[in-house]
Each structure stands twice: as C-alpha cells, then as structure tokens.
Amino acid sequence: MITHCVFIRYRAEIDAAGRERIYEAVRALKPRIPGMQDVIVSKNVSPEGLDKGFSEGFIVTFADAAARDAYLVDEEHAKVGKMVVGAAEGGLDGLLVYDLEH
C-alpha cells in the first residue's frame, strides 16, 4: 500500500472555494484510477507548530506502487497537478509531496 501525501502552502488569494475545486478534482480521479482507494482532505490541525506554512492538503491511498504510478502519468492527474501548482505559493516551492509505503 502507498500513502501519497500532498501538503500545500496556498497563495493568499486562493479562497476556500478555489481550494475546494482542487480537492473535488482530486476526488474525481478515484473512479478513473484502478487501485486508488481513498482521498482524505484536511486543514492542518496539529498543535505542534511545525507545519512550515503548509496549511492544508490531501492524502491519497493506493493499493500498491503500480496504482500510484498509473495515477502519476494519468492525463487528468496532470491537469489537477497544474491546478495545485498554480494555487501554491511559489509554484512547486509551495508543495511538499511525500509517499509512504506500508
């Protein structure tokens, strides 16, 4: 199983509706990608203060690395990725992407 974590430092002008459009686009990939099992979206709720400005994000669970890899090359995922990068402060600098295998 692969847990694909995407944390976003949003540009100030991206409002709640703009963020929700991104999350809906991510959720819409689930029926399209075999092995894409779950999508969790949330604001950071950690009290530790170690978020480094990554205010919210999403986590996608995949059955295995092959499912994650299919997601990465999917043309609709590429469109969603452009939305995310466009909304992030500094483009790619405003993203933290991390995959965990378990």
PDB file of N, CA and C in Angstrom:
ATOM      1  N   MET A   1       0.843  -1.172   0.000  1.00  0.00           N
ATOM      2  CA  MET A   1       0.000   0.000   0.000  1.00  0.00           C
ATOM      3  C   MET A   1       0.893   1.240   0.000  1.00  0.00           C
ATOM      4  N   ILE A   2       0.449   2.259  -0.728  1.00  0.00           N
ATOM      5  CA  ILE A   2       1.175   3.532  -0.803  1.00  0.00           C
ATOM      6  C   ILE A   2       0.256   4.652  -0.312  1.00  0.00           C
ATOM      7  N   THR A   3       0.768   5.463   0.583  1.00  0.00           N
ATOM      8  CA  THR A   3       0.075   6.666   1.024  1.00  0.00           C
ATOM      9  C   THR A   3       0.809   7.855   0.430  1.00  0.00           C
ATOM     10  N   HIS A   4       0.119   8.566  -0.457  1.00  0.00           N
ATOM     11  CA  HIS A   4       0.675   9.695  -1.211  1.00  0.00           C
ATOM     12  C   HIS A   4       0.175  10.979  -0.541  1.00  0.00           C
ATOM     13  N   CYS A   5       1.085  11.714   0.098  1.00  0.00           N
ATOM     14  CA  CYS A   5       0.744  12.900   0.878  1.00  0.00           C
ATOM     15  C   CYS A   5       1.140  14.158   0.106  1.00  0.00           C
ATOM     16  N   VAL A   6       0.210  15.082  -0.020  1.00  0.00           N
ATOM     17  CA  VAL A   6       0.466  16.352  -0.717  1.00  0.00           C
ATOM     18  C   VAL A   6       0.059  17.477   0.217  1.00  0.00           C
ATOM     19  N   PHE A   7       1.026  18.275   0.625  1.00  0.00           N
ATOM     20  CA  PHE A   7       0.775  19.403   1.518  1.00  0.00           C
ATOM     21  C   PHE A   7       1.036  20.688   0.751  1.00  0.00           C
ATOM     22  N   ILE A   8       0.149  21.671   0.945  1.00  0.00           N
ATOM     23  CA  ILE A   8       0.142  22.870   0.100  1.00  0.00           C
ATOM     24  C   ILE A   8       0.256  24.125   0.962  1.00  0.00           C
ATOM     25  N   ARG A   9       1.125  25.011   0.512  1.00  0.00           N
ATOM     26  CA  ARG A   9       1.203  26.361   1.077  1.00  0.00           C
ATOM     27  C   ARG A   9       0.517  27.251   0.032  1.00  0.00           C
ATOM     28  N   TYR A  10      -0.748  27.568   0.257  1.00  0.00           N
ATOM     29  CA  TYR A  10      -1.544  28.286  -0.736  1.00  0.00           C
ATOM     30  C   TYR A  10      -1.146  29.752  -0.856  1.00  0.00           C
ATOM     31  N   ARG A  11      -1.292  30.279  -2.076  1.00  0.00           N
ATOM     32  CA  ARG A  11      -1.171  31.725  -2.285  1.00  0.00           C
ATOM     33  C   ARG A  11      -2.312  32.405  -1.526  1.00  0.00           C
ATOM     34  N   ALA A  12      -2.083  33.593  -1.029  1.00  0.00           N
ATOM     35  CA  ALA A  12      -3.058  34.310  -0.197  1.00  0.00           C
ATOM     36  C   ALA A  12      -4.395  34.510  -0.900  1.00  0.00           C
ATOM     37  N   GLU A  13      -4.383  34.673  -2.206  1.00  0.00           N
ATOM     38  CA  GLU A  13      -5.634  34.966  -2.918  1.00  0.00           C
ATOM     39  C   GLU A  13      -6.463  33.722  -3.265  1.00  0.00           C
ATOM     40  N   ILE A  14      -5.981  32.547  -2.920  1.00  0.00           N
ATOM     41  CA  ILE A  14      -6.759  31.331  -3.176  1.00  0.00           C
ATOM     42  C   ILE A  14      -7.729  31.139  -2.021  1.00  0.00           C
ATOM     43  N   ASP A  15      -9.014  31.362  -2.306  1.00  0.00           N
ATOM     44  CA  ASP A  15     -10.030  31.293  -1.253  1.00  0.00           C
ATOM     45  C   ASP A  15     -10.519  29.858  -1.036  1.00  0.00           C
ATOM     46  N   ALA A  16     -11.426  29.702  -0.090  1.00  0.00           N
ATOM     47  CA  ALA A  16     -11.944  28.375   0.259  1.00  0.00           C
ATOM     48  C   ALA A  16     -12.590  27.695  -0.941  1.00  0.00           C
ATOM     49  N   ALA A  17     -13.298  28.441  -1.767  1.00  0.00           N
ATOM     50  CA  ALA A  17     -13.941  27.855  -2.950  1.00  0.00           C
ATOM     51  C   ALA A  17     -12.896  27.353  -3.948  1.00  0.00           C
ATOM     52  N   GLY A  18     -11.819  28.087  -4.109  1.00  0.00           N
ATOM     53  CA  GLY A  18     -10.740  27.664  -5.003  1.00  0.00           C
ATOM     54  C   GLY A  18     -10.058  26.404  -4.492  1.00  0.00           C
ATOM     55  N   ARG A  19      -9.882  26.319  -3.215  1.00  0.00           N
ATOM     56  CA  ARG A  19      -9.283  25.126  -2.609  1.00  0.00           C
ATOM     57  C   ARG A  19     -10.198  23.924  -2.780  1.00  0.00           C
ATOM     58  N   GLU A  20     -11.488  24.141  -2.572  1.00  0.00           N
ATOM     59  CA  GLU A  20     -12.443  23.038  -2.705  1.00  0.00           C
ATOM     60  C   GLU A  20     -12.506  22.533  -4.149  1.00  0.00           C
ATOM     61  N   ARG A  21     -12.367  23.422  -5.134  1.00  0.00           N
ATOM     62  CA  ARG A  21     -12.330  22.981  -6.544  1.00  0.00           C
ATOM     63  C   ARG A  21     -11.162  22.026  -6.777  1.00  0.00           C
ATOM     64  N   ILE A  22     -10.034  22.327  -6.177  1.00  0.00           N
ATOM     65  CA  ILE A  22      -8.870  21.446  -6.299  1.00  0.00           C
ATOM     66  C   ILE A  22      -9.169  20.094  -5.672  1.00  0.00           C
ATOM     67  N   TYR A  23      -9.720  20.108  -4.474  1.00  0.00           N
ATOM     68  CA  TYR A  23      -9.979  18.849  -3.775  1.00  0.00           C
ATOM     69  C   TYR A  23     -11.033  18.007  -4.496  1.00  0.00           C
ATOM     70  N   GLU A  24     -12.032  18.657  -5.067  1.00  0.00           N
ATOM     71  CA  GLU A  24     -13.034  17.921  -5.844  1.00  0.00           C
ATOM     72  C   GLU A  24     -12.395  17.294  -7.081  1.00  0.00           C
ATOM     73  N   ALA A  25     -11.470  18.001  -7.702  1.00  0.00           N
ATOM     74  CA  ALA A  25     -10.775  17.453  -8.872  1.00  0.00           C
ATOM     75  C   ALA A  25      -9.929  16.240  -8.486  1.00  0.00           C
ATOM     76  N   VAL A  26      -9.306  16.291  -7.317  1.00  0.00           N
ATOM     77  CA  VAL A  26      -8.540  15.130  -6.833  1.00  0.00           C
ATOM     78  C   VAL A  26      -9.484  13.963  -6.576  1.00  0.00           C
ATOM     79  N   ARG A  27     -10.587  14.217  -5.898  1.00  0.00           N
ATOM     80  CA  ARG A  27     -11.557  13.156  -5.609  1.00  0.00           C
ATOM     81  C   ARG A  27     -12.114  12.533  -6.892  1.00  0.00           C
ATOM     82  N   ALA A  28     -12.288  13.338  -7.919  1.00  0.00           N
ATOM     83  CA  ALA A  28     -12.840  12.858  -9.185  1.00  0.00           C
ATOM     84  C   ALA A  28     -11.915  11.860  -9.885  1.00  0.00           C
ATOM     85  N   LEU A  29     -10.651  11.821  -9.488  1.00  0.00           N
ATOM     86  CA  LEU A  29      -9.717  10.865 -10.083  1.00  0.00           C
ATOM     87  C   LEU A  29      -9.939   9.444  -9.574  1.00  0.00           C
ATOM     88  N   LYS A  30     -10.554   9.300  -8.420  1.00  0.00           N
ATOM     89  CA  LYS A  30     -10.679   7.981  -7.788  1.00  0.00           C
ATOM     90  C   LYS A  30     -11.337   6.932  -8.688  1.00  0.00           C
ATOM     91  N   PRO A  31     -12.490   7.203  -9.303  1.00  0.00           N
ATOM     92  CA  PRO A  31     -13.087   6.167 -10.159  1.00  0.00           C
ATOM     93  C   PRO A  31     -12.303   5.938 -11.455  1.00  0.00           C
ATOM     94  N   ARG A  32     -11.435   6.838 -11.783  1.00  0.00           N
ATOM     95  CA  ARG A  32     -10.664   6.775 -13.018  1.00  0.00           C
ATOM     96  C   ARG A  32      -9.404   5.913 -12.887  1.00  0.00           C
ATOM     97  N   ILE A  33      -8.846   5.849 -11.680  1.00  0.00           N
ATOM     98  CA  ILE A  33      -7.559   5.188 -11.451  1.00  0.00           C
ATOM     99  C   ILE A  33      -7.780   3.882 -10.682  1.00  0.00           C
ATOM    100  N   PRO A  34      -7.612   2.738 -11.336  1.00  0.00           N
ATOM    101  CA  PRO A  34      -7.742   1.470 -10.606  1.00  0.00           C
ATOM    102  C   PRO A  34      -6.700   1.408  -9.472  1.00  0.00           C
ATOM    103  N   GLY A  35      -7.159   1.008  -8.306  1.00  0.00           N
ATOM    104  CA  GLY A  35      -6.254   0.904  -7.163  1.00  0.00           C
ATOM    105  C   GLY A  35      -6.143   2.170  -6.343  1.00  0.00           C
ATOM    106  N   MET A  36      -6.797   3.251  -6.782  1.00  0.00           N
ATOM    107  CA  MET A  36      -6.858   4.467  -5.972  1.00  0.00           C
ATOM    108  C   MET A  36      -7.991   4.246  -4.976  1.00  0.00           C
ATOM    109  N   GLN A  37      -7.632   4.073  -3.707  1.00  0.00           N
ATOM    110  CA  GLN A  37      -8.596   3.597  -2.726  1.00  0.00           C
ATOM    111  C   GLN A  37      -9.301   4.670  -1.924  1.00  0.00           C
ATOM    112  N   ASP A  38      -8.601   5.750  -1.591  1.00  0.00           N
ATOM    113  CA  ASP A  38      -9.194   6.732  -0.704  1.00  0.00           C
ATOM    114  C   ASP A  38      -8.529   8.085  -0.897  1.00  0.00           C
ATOM    115  N   VAL A  39      -9.287   9.141  -0.620  1.00  0.00           N
ATOM    116  CA  VAL A  39      -8.768  10.507  -0.636  1.00  0.00           C
ATOM    117  C   VAL A  39      -9.231  11.180   0.657  1.00  0.00           C
ATOM    118  N   ILE A  40      -8.283  11.723   1.394  1.00  0.00           N
ATOM    119  CA  ILE A  40      -8.573  12.483   2.611  1.00  0.00           C
ATOM    120  C   ILE A  40      -8.090  13.906   2.386  1.00  0.00           C
ATOM    121  N   VAL A  41      -8.947  14.878   2.690  1.00  0.00           N
ATOM    122  CA  VAL A  41      -8.618  16.296   2.562  1.00  0.00           C
ATOM    123  C   VAL A  41      -8.791  16.931   3.935  1.00  0.00           C
ATOM    124  N   SER A  42      -7.841  17.773   4.334  1.00  0.00           N
ATOM    125  CA  SER A  42      -7.981  18.429   5.632  1.00  0.00           C
ATOM    126  C   SER A  42      -7.052  19.632   5.739  1.00  0.00           C
ATOM    127  N   LYS A  43      -7.462  20.556   6.593  1.00  0.00           N
ATOM    128  CA  LYS A  43      -6.556  21.609   7.038  1.00  0.00           C
ATOM    129  C   LYS A  43      -5.613  20.977   8.047  1.00  0.00           C
ATOM    130  N   ASN A  44      -4.473  21.583   8.238  1.00  0.00           N
ATOM    131  CA  ASN A  44      -3.562  21.122   9.272  1.00  0.00           C
ATOM    132  C   ASN A  44      -4.195  21.394  10.640  1.00  0.00           C
ATOM    133  N   VAL A  45      -4.277  20.376  11.460  1.00  0.00           N
ATOM    134  CA  VAL A  45      -4.846  20.533  12.799  1.00  0.00           C
ATOM    135  C   VAL A  45      -3.828  20.211  13.891  1.00  0.00           C
ATOM    136  N   SER A  46      -2.565  20.098  13.520  1.00  0.00           N
ATOM    137  CA  SER A  46      -1.536  19.786  14.506  1.00  0.00           C
ATOM    138  C   SER A  46      -1.270  20.996  15.403  1.00  0.00           C
ATOM    139  N   PRO A  47      -1.220  20.784  16.701  1.00  0.00           N
ATOM    140  CA  PRO A  47      -0.903  21.874  17.615  1.00  0.00           C
ATOM    141  C   PRO A  47       0.601  22.124  17.775  1.00  0.00           C
ATOM    142  N   GLU A  48       1.436  21.337  17.093  1.00  0.00           N
ATOM    143  CA  GLU A  48       2.879  21.409  17.312  1.00  0.00           C
ATOM    144  C   GLU A  48       3.558  22.622  16.699  1.00  0.00           C
ATOM    145  N   GLY A  49       2.928  23.234  15.684  1.00  0.00           N
ATOM    146  CA  GLY A  49       3.523  24.405  15.056  1.00  0.00           C
ATOM    147  C   GLY A  49       4.702  24.098  14.157  1.00  0.00           C
ATOM    148  N   LEU A  50       4.759  22.906  13.612  1.00  0.00           N
ATOM    149  CA  LEU A  50       5.878  22.501  12.759  1.00  0.00           C
ATOM    150  C   LEU A  50       5.496  22.406  11.282  1.00  0.00           C
ATOM    151  N   ASP A  51       4.387  23.019  10.896  1.00  0.00           N
ATOM    152  CA  ASP A  51       3.861  22.867   9.536  1.00  0.00           C
ATOM    153  C   ASP A  51       4.614  23.663   8.475  1.00  0.00           C
ATOM    154  N   LYS A  52       5.441  24.595   8.884  1.00  0.00           N
ATOM    155  CA  LYS A  52       6.242  25.420   7.975  1.00  0.00           C
ATOM    156  C   LYS A  52       5.393  26.107   6.906  1.00  0.00           C
ATOM    157  N   GLY A  53       4.157  26.455   7.273  1.00  0.00           N
ATOM    158  CA  GLY A  53       3.274  27.186   6.370  1.00  0.00           C
ATOM    159  C   GLY A  53       2.431  26.318   5.464  1.00  0.00           C
ATOM    160  N   PHE A  54       2.578  25.007   5.548  1.00  0.00           N
ATOM    161  CA  PHE A  54       1.748  24.108   4.752  1.00  0.00           C
ATOM    162  C   PHE A  54       0.418  23.968   5.485  1.00  0.00           C
ATOM    163  N   SER A  55      -0.548  24.776   5.073  1.00  0.00           N
ATOM    164  CA  SER A  55      -1.779  24.942   5.837  1.00  0.00           C
ATOM    165  C   SER A  55      -2.788  23.819   5.672  1.00  0.00           C
ATOM    166  N   GLU A  56      -2.750  23.127   4.547  1.00  0.00           N
ATOM    167  CA  GLU A  56      -3.685  22.038   4.306  1.00  0.00           C
ATOM    168  C   GLU A  56      -3.190  21.175   3.169  1.00  0.00           C
ATOM    169  N   GLY A  57      -3.927  20.130   2.899  1.00  0.00           N
ATOM    170  CA  GLY A  57      -3.520  19.245   1.819  1.00  0.00           C
ATOM    171  C   GLY A  57      -4.416  18.038   1.714  1.00  0.00           C
ATOM    172  N   PHE A  58      -3.895  17.030   1.019  1.00  0.00           N
ATOM    173  CA  PHE A  58      -4.676  15.815   0.833  1.00  0.00           C
ATOM    174  C   PHE A  58      -3.756  14.605   0.839  1.00  0.00           C
ATOM    175  N   ILE A  59      -4.365  13.470   1.158  1.00  0.00           N
ATOM    176  CA  ILE A  59      -3.656  12.201   1.181  1.00  0.00           C
ATOM    177  C   ILE A  59      -4.446  11.221   0.331  1.00  0.00           C
ATOM    178  N   VAL A  60      -3.753  10.550  -0.576  1.00  0.00           N
ATOM    179  CA  VAL A  60      -4.371   9.552  -1.439  1.00  0.00           C
ATOM    180  C   VAL A  60      -3.754   8.203  -1.106  1.00  0.00           C
ATOM    181  N   THR A  61      -4.609   7.220  -0.881  1.00  0.00           N
ATOM    182  CA  THR A  61      -4.144   5.867  -0.595  1.00  0.00           C
ATOM    183  C   THR A  61      -4.301   5.012  -1.846  1.00  0.00           C
ATOM    184  N   PHE A  62      -3.220   4.308  -2.190  1.00  0.00           N
ATOM    185  CA  PHE A  62      -3.203   3.420  -3.353  1.00  0.00           C
ATOM    186  C   PHE A  62      -2.966   1.993  -2.895  1.00  0.00           C
ATOM    187  N   ALA A  63      -3.524   1.051  -3.624  1.00  0.00           N
ATOM    188  CA  ALA A  63      -3.353  -0.370  -3.301  1.00  0.00           C
ATOM    189  C   ALA A  63      -1.890  -0.772  -3.354  1.00  0.00           C
ATOM    190  N   ASP A  64      -1.147  -0.182  -4.301  1.00  0.00           N
ATOM    191  CA  ASP A  64       0.255  -0.553  -4.474  1.00  0.00           C
ATOM    192  C   ASP A  64       0.966   0.514  -5.312  1.00  0.00           C
ATOM    193  N   ALA A  65       2.247   0.322  -5.508  1.00  0.00           N
ATOM    194  CA  ALA A  65       3.049   1.292  -6.273  1.00  0.00           C
ATOM    195  C   ALA A  65       2.589   1.377  -7.721  1.00  0.00           C
ATOM    196  N   ALA A  66       2.113   0.274  -8.289  1.00  0.00           N
ATOM    197  CA  ALA A  66       1.654   0.292  -9.680  1.00  0.00           C
ATOM    198  C   ALA A  66       0.446   1.222  -9.841  1.00  0.00           C
ATOM    199  N   ALA A  67      -0.472   1.200  -8.874  1.00  0.00           N
ATOM    200  CA  ALA A  67      -1.628   2.096  -8.922  1.00  0.00           C
ATOM    201  C   ALA A  67      -1.180   3.549  -8.792  1.00  0.00           C
ATOM    202  N   ARG A  68      -0.257   3.816  -7.877  1.00  0.00           N
ATOM    203  CA  ARG A  68       0.276   5.178  -7.719  1.00  0.00           C
ATOM    204  C   ARG A  68       0.955   5.642  -8.997  1.00  0.00           C
ATOM    205  N   ASP A  69       1.718   4.750  -9.617  1.00  0.00           N
ATOM    206  CA  ASP A  69       2.424   5.106 -10.843  1.00  0.00           C
ATOM    207  C   ASP A  69       1.460   5.395 -11.993  1.00  0.00           C
ATOM    208  N   ALA A  70       0.345   4.655 -12.050  1.00  0.00           N
ATOM    209  CA  ALA A  70      -0.674   4.917 -13.071  1.00  0.00           C
ATOM    210  C   ALA A  70      -1.300   6.295 -12.853  1.00  0.00           C
ATOM    211  N   TYR A  71      -1.519   6.652 -11.607  1.00  0.00           N
ATOM    212  CA  TYR A  71      -2.046   7.969 -11.233  1.00  0.00           C
ATOM    213  C   TYR A  71      -1.082   9.075 -11.685  1.00  0.00           C
ATOM    214  N   LEU A  72       0.199   8.859 -11.463  1.00  0.00           N
ATOM    215  CA  LEU A  72       1.188   9.891 -11.779  1.00  0.00           C
ATOM    216  C   LEU A  72       1.241  10.230 -13.260  1.00  0.00           C
ATOM    217  N   VAL A  73       0.975   9.258 -14.131  1.00  0.00           N
ATOM    218  CA  VAL A  73       1.059   9.506 -15.576  1.00  0.00           C
ATOM    219  C   VAL A  73      -0.306   9.754 -16.222  1.00  0.00           C
ATOM    220  N   ASP A  74      -1.367   9.725 -15.434  1.00  0.00           N
ATOM    221  CA  ASP A  74      -2.708   9.937 -15.962  1.00  0.00           C
ATOM    222  C   ASP A  74      -2.882  11.377 -16.445  1.00  0.00           C
ATOM    223  N   GLU A  75      -3.520  11.554 -17.600  1.00  0.00           N
ATOM    224  CA  GLU A  75      -3.666  12.898 -18.182  1.00  0.00           C
ATOM    225  C   GLU A  75      -4.560  13.807 -17.328  1.00  0.00           C
ATOM    226  N   GLU A  76      -5.586  13.260 -16.685  1.00  0.00           N
ATOM    227  CA  GLU A  76      -6.427  14.080 -15.806  1.00  0.00           C
ATOM    228  C   GLU A  76      -5.668  14.475 -14.543  1.00  0.00           C
ATOM    229  N   HIS A  77      -4.829  13.570 -14.049  1.00  0.00           N
ATOM    230  CA  HIS A  77      -3.985  13.913 -12.897  1.00  0.00           C
ATOM    231  C   HIS A  77      -3.055  15.066 -13.259  1.00  0.00           C
ATOM    232  N   ALA A  78      -2.539  15.071 -14.479  1.00  0.00           N
ATOM    233  CA  ALA A  78      -1.658  16.165 -14.911  1.00  0.00           C
ATOM    234  C   ALA A  78      -2.399  17.504 -14.863  1.00  0.00           C
ATOM    235  N   LYS A  79      -3.671  17.510 -15.254  1.00  0.00           N
ATOM    236  CA  LYS A  79      -4.466  18.742 -15.202  1.00  0.00           C
ATOM    237  C   LYS A  79      -4.674  19.190 -13.758  1.00  0.00           C
ATOM    238  N   VAL A  80      -4.978  18.237 -12.886  1.00  0.00           N
ATOM    239  CA  VAL A  80      -5.159  18.560 -11.466  1.00  0.00           C
ATOM    240  C   VAL A  80      -3.842  19.066 -10.883  1.00  0.00           C
ATOM    241  N   GLY A  81      -2.750  18.424 -11.255  1.00  0.00           N
ATOM    242  CA  GLY A  81      -1.439  18.853 -10.783  1.00  0.00           C
ATOM    243  C   GLY A  81      -1.139  20.292 -11.153  1.00  0.00           C
ATOM    244  N   LYS A  82      -1.521  20.692 -12.358  1.00  0.00           N
ATOM    245  CA  LYS A  82      -1.317  22.089 -12.773  1.00  0.00           C
ATOM    246  C   LYS A  82      -2.145  23.038 -11.919  1.00  0.00           C
ATOM    247  N   MET A  83      -3.356  22.609 -11.568  1.00  0.00           N
ATOM    248  CA  MET A  83      -4.196  23.433 -10.683  1.00  0.00           C
ATOM    249  C   MET A  83      -3.517  23.617  -9.330  1.00  0.00           C
ATOM    250  N   VAL A  84      -2.986  22.528  -8.790  1.00  0.00           N
ATOM    251  CA  VAL A  84      -2.348  22.571  -7.476  1.00  0.00           C
ATOM    252  C   VAL A  84      -1.110  23.460  -7.515  1.00  0.00           C
ATOM    253  N   VAL A  85      -0.254  23.261  -8.494  1.00  0.00           N
ATOM    254  CA  VAL A  85       0.965  24.070  -8.610  1.00  0.00           C
ATOM    255  C   VAL A  85       0.609  25.540  -8.797  1.00  0.00           C
ATOM    256  N   GLY A  86      -0.417  25.816  -9.598  1.00  0.00           N
ATOM    257  CA  GLY A  86      -0.843  27.195  -9.826  1.00  0.00           C
ATOM    258  C   GLY A  86      -1.379  27.881  -8.584  1.00  0.00           C
ATOM    259  N   ALA A  87      -1.946  27.106  -7.664  1.00  0.00           N
ATOM    260  CA  ALA A  87      -2.510  27.673  -6.440  1.00  0.00           C
ATOM    261  C   ALA A  87      -1.488  27.792  -5.313  1.00  0.00           C
ATOM    262  N   ALA A  88      -0.374  27.126  -5.458  1.00  0.00           N
ATOM    263  CA  ALA A  88       0.633  27.093  -4.393  1.00  0.00           C
ATOM    264  C   ALA A  88       1.536  28.321  -4.441  1.00  0.00           C
ATOM    265  N   GLU A  89       1.869  28.820  -3.274  1.00  0.00           N
ATOM    266  CA  GLU A  89       2.778  29.960  -3.163  1.00  0.00           C
ATOM    267  C   GLU A  89       4.147  29.559  -3.708  1.00  0.00           C
ATOM    268  N   GLY A  90       4.589  30.249  -4.754  1.00  0.00           N
ATOM    269  CA  GLY A  90       5.881  29.940  -5.347  1.00  0.00           C
ATOM    270  C   GLY A  90       5.857  28.711  -6.250  1.00  0.00           C
ATOM    271  N   GLY A  91       4.674  28.271  -6.672  1.00  0.00           N
ATOM    272  CA  GLY A  91       4.599  27.099  -7.549  1.00  0.00           C
ATOM    273  C   GLY A  91       5.058  25.849  -6.811  1.00  0.00           C
ATOM    274  N   LEU A  92       5.983  25.129  -7.392  1.00  0.00           N
ATOM    275  CA  LEU A  92       6.471  23.889  -6.775  1.00  0.00           C
ATOM    276  C   LEU A  92       7.072  24.105  -5.390  1.00  0.00           C
ATOM    277  N   ASP A  93       7.604  25.303  -5.143  1.00  0.00           N
ATOM    278  CA  ASP A  93       8.167  25.590  -3.813  1.00  0.00           C
ATOM    279  C   ASP A  93       7.096  25.580  -2.729  1.00  0.00           C
ATOM    280  N   GLY A  94       5.848  25.730  -3.102  1.00  0.00           N
ATOM    281  CA  GLY A  94       4.755  25.748  -2.152  1.00  0.00           C
ATOM    282  C   GLY A  94       4.120  24.376  -1.944  1.00  0.00           C
ATOM    283  N   LEU A  95       4.804  23.331  -2.372  1.00  0.00           N
ATOM    284  CA  LEU A  95       4.292  21.966  -2.226  1.00  0.00           C
ATOM    285  C   LEU A  95       5.291  21.071  -1.508  1.00  0.00           C
ATOM    286  N   LEU A  96       4.758  20.147  -0.755  1.00  0.00           N
ATOM    287  CA  LEU A  96       5.537  19.070  -0.173  1.00  0.00           C
ATOM    288  C   LEU A  96       4.802  17.782  -0.514  1.00  0.00           C
ATOM    289  N   VAL A  97       5.458  16.919  -1.267  1.00  0.00           N
ATOM    290  CA  VAL A  97       4.861  15.653  -1.677  1.00  0.00           C
ATOM    291  C   VAL A  97       5.733  14.540  -1.119  1.00  0.00           C
ATOM    292  N   TYR A  98       5.067  13.584  -0.477  1.00  0.00           N
ATOM    293  CA  TYR A  98       5.807  12.536   0.210  1.00  0.00           C
ATOM    294  C   TYR A  98       4.988  11.251   0.130  1.00  0.00           C
ATOM    295  N   ASP A  99       5.619  10.169  -0.261  1.00  0.00           N
ATOM    296  CA  ASP A  99       4.952   8.870  -0.349  1.00  0.00           C
ATOM    297  C   ASP A  99       5.497   7.922   0.706  1.00  0.00           C
ATOM    298  N   LEU A 100       4.585   7.227   1.363  1.00  0.00           N
ATOM    299  CA  LEU A 100       4.942   6.248   2.376  1.00  0.00           C
ATOM    300  C   LEU A 100       4.454   4.878   1.904  1.00  0.00           C
ATOM    301  N   GLU A 101       5.298   3.875   2.046  1.00  0.00           N
ATOM    302  CA  GLU A 101       4.916   2.513   1.682  1.00  0.00           C
ATOM    303  C   GLU A 101       4.678   1.725   2.960  1.00  0.00           C
ATOM    304  N   HIS A 102       3.572   1.015   2.971  1.00  0.00           N
ATOM    305  CA  HIS A 102       3.255   0.210   4.163  1.00  0.00           C
ATOM    306  C   HIS A 102       2.473  -1.014   3.786  1.00  0.00           C
TER     307      HIS A 102
END
